[in-house]
Amino acid sequence: MCLKPHRNLKELSLKHYGGAKISMLPSLEELTIEGMNSVCNVGSEFYGIDCAEDFPCLQFLYIEDCPKFSTMPTSLGSLKSLEIRNCMGLLEISFLPQIQVLVLEECDPLIVVSVANLTSLVKLCICRFDYFPVRVFP
């Protein structure tokens, strides 16, 4: 089963959604994924096909309570804000050239290492980690 919202949809929130595939949403600016235990990524797994650019207009991505989520989309050039909460499977964040706000809560501490490469950050919030790799930041 494939969720097929209108292609001009700007905001989508999926909470405890049983299906994994959505149709392509080139106008999507805000995506919330919450409580989806089997989701590993939000690229081709969601679309069911390989795409050169997963979310060309996405500016805000919020992922919470997705324990198997392990791969960030690689083409998020417009992303300005990323919040990841309780996603222990994600170990790194891909380079995001325009990211300004990053919130990490209850994630694997190794994810913090990739934060040093996000040079456009204005706000960084790191909360509720079992331990913190202190030597990450100069």
Protein backbone atom coordinates (compact mmCIF):
# COMPACT_ATOMS: atom_id res chain seq x y z
CA MET A 1 0.00 0.00 0.00
CA CYS A 2 1.31 3.42 -0.92
CA LEU A 3 0.21 6.73 0.61
CA LYS A 4 -0.42 9.17 -2.26
CA PRO A 5 -0.95 12.73 -1.02
CA HIS A 6 -1.09 15.61 -3.49
CA ARG A 7 2.32 16.46 -5.05
CA ASN A 8 2.09 20.06 -3.83
CA LEU A 9 1.77 19.04 -0.17
CA LYS A 10 4.02 21.23 2.01
CA GLU A 11 3.78 19.46 5.40
CA LEU A 12 3.43 15.75 6.25
CA SER A 13 3.31 14.09 9.66
CA LEU A 14 3.48 10.29 9.90
CA LYS A 15 2.93 8.91 13.39
CA HIS A 16 2.81 5.16 13.95
CA TYR A 17 1.98 4.76 10.26
CA GLY A 18 2.02 1.08 9.28
CA GLY A 19 2.84 1.55 5.61
CA ALA A 20 6.36 2.55 4.59
CA LYS A 21 5.94 3.94 1.09
CA ILE A 22 4.73 7.38 0.12
CA SER A 23 4.51 8.85 -3.35
CA MET A 24 7.08 11.46 -4.37
CA LEU A 25 6.47 14.84 -2.76
CA PRO A 26 8.67 17.41 -4.50
CA SER A 27 7.06 20.40 -2.71
CA LEU A 28 7.32 18.98 0.82
CA GLU A 29 8.90 21.49 3.22
CA GLU A 30 8.24 19.82 6.58
CA LEU A 31 8.31 16.10 7.43
CA THR A 32 7.62 14.47 10.79
CA ILE A 33 8.22 10.74 11.25
CA GLU A 34 7.33 9.37 14.66
CA GLY A 35 6.96 5.92 16.18
CA MET A 36 7.70 3.97 13.02
CA ASN A 37 9.65 1.00 14.36
CA SER A 38 10.56 -0.60 11.04
CA VAL A 39 11.74 2.51 9.15
CA CYS A 40 15.49 2.47 8.33
CA ASN A 41 15.63 5.51 6.03
CA VAL A 42 13.37 8.07 4.39
CA GLY A 43 14.74 7.89 0.85
CA SER A 44 14.07 5.06 -1.56
CA GLU A 45 12.46 2.97 1.23
CA PHE A 46 9.67 5.53 1.41
CA TYR A 47 9.35 6.10 -2.31
CA GLY A 48 9.84 2.51 -3.41
CA ILE A 49 12.20 3.74 -6.15
CA ASP A 50 15.66 5.31 -6.22
CA CYS A 51 15.51 9.08 -6.56
CA ALA A 52 18.31 11.49 -7.38
CA GLU A 53 16.85 14.02 -4.96
CA ASP A 54 14.63 12.68 -2.19
CA PHE A 55 13.19 15.93 -0.80
CA PRO A 56 14.33 18.96 -2.85
CA CYS A 57 12.33 21.54 -0.84
CA LEU A 58 12.49 20.00 2.65
CA GLN A 59 13.43 22.59 5.28
CA PHE A 60 12.40 20.85 8.52
CA LEU A 61 12.84 17.16 9.36
CA TYR A 62 11.71 15.71 12.69
CA ILE A 63 12.34 12.02 13.46
CA GLU A 64 11.36 10.48 16.80
CA ASP A 65 11.08 6.97 18.24
CA CYS A 66 12.38 5.18 15.15
CA PRO A 67 14.89 2.70 16.64
CA LYS A 68 15.95 1.18 13.29
CA PHE A 69 16.41 4.50 11.51
CA SER A 70 20.06 4.34 10.40
CA THR A 71 20.51 6.27 7.16
CA MET A 72 19.96 9.97 6.51
CA PRO A 73 18.86 11.02 3.04
CA THR A 74 21.89 12.33 1.14
CA SER A 75 20.13 15.07 -0.80
CA LEU A 76 18.79 17.49 1.78
CA GLY A 77 20.43 20.65 0.48
CA SER A 78 17.51 22.89 1.56
CA LEU A 79 17.24 21.50 5.12
CA LYS A 80 17.47 24.23 7.77
CA SER A 81 16.29 22.38 10.90
CA LEU A 82 16.78 18.75 11.96
CA GLU A 83 15.50 17.15 15.15
CA ILE A 84 16.31 13.53 15.95
CA ARG A 85 14.99 11.99 19.14
CA ASN A 86 15.34 8.40 20.37
CA CYS A 87 16.85 6.99 17.17
CA MET A 88 19.70 4.84 18.48
CA GLY A 89 20.41 3.29 15.06
CA LEU A 90 21.60 6.54 13.48
CA LEU A 91 25.37 6.91 13.93
CA GLU A 92 26.14 9.87 11.69
CA ILE A 93 24.56 12.85 10.01
CA SER A 94 25.41 13.48 6.38
CA PHE A 95 26.77 16.85 5.32
CA LEU A 96 23.95 19.40 5.33
CA PRO A 97 25.21 22.66 3.79
CA GLN A 98 22.38 24.93 5.03
CA ILE A 99 21.50 23.34 8.38
CA GLN A 100 21.08 26.01 11.07
CA VAL A 101 19.31 24.15 13.90
CA LEU A 102 20.16 20.65 15.12
CA VAL A 103 18.54 18.88 18.07
CA LEU A 104 19.81 15.46 19.13
CA GLU A 105 18.13 13.70 22.05
CA GLU A 106 18.59 10.11 23.25
CA CYS A 107 20.72 9.04 20.29
CA ASP A 108 23.88 6.98 20.01
CA PRO A 109 26.74 9.21 21.23
CA LEU A 110 28.75 8.48 18.07
CA ILE A 111 26.37 10.73 16.13
CA VAL A 112 27.94 13.75 17.83
CA VAL A 113 31.21 13.21 15.92
CA SER A 114 29.51 14.16 12.62
CA VAL A 115 28.25 17.45 14.09
CA ALA A 116 31.72 19.02 13.78
CA ASN A 117 31.30 19.06 9.97
CA LEU A 118 28.08 21.10 10.07
CA THR A 119 29.63 24.55 9.73
CA SER A 120 26.40 26.51 9.17
CA LEU A 121 24.90 25.59 12.57
CA VAL A 122 23.51 28.47 14.60
CA LYS A 123 21.78 26.40 17.31
CA LEU A 124 22.85 22.99 18.63
CA CYS A 125 21.00 21.11 21.36
CA ILE A 126 22.36 17.78 22.61
CA CYS A 127 20.21 16.22 25.35
CA ARG A 128 19.84 13.01 27.34
CA PHE A 129 22.91 11.07 26.19
CA ASP A 130 24.33 8.22 28.29
CA TYR A 131 27.80 9.67 27.70
CA PHE A 132 29.20 12.42 25.55
CA PRO A 133 32.40 12.24 23.46
CA VAL A 134 33.82 15.51 24.80
CA ARG A 135 36.79 15.76 22.41
CA VAL A 136 34.55 16.24 19.38
CA PHE A 137 34.61 20.02 19.49
CA PRO A 138 37.83 22.07 19.34
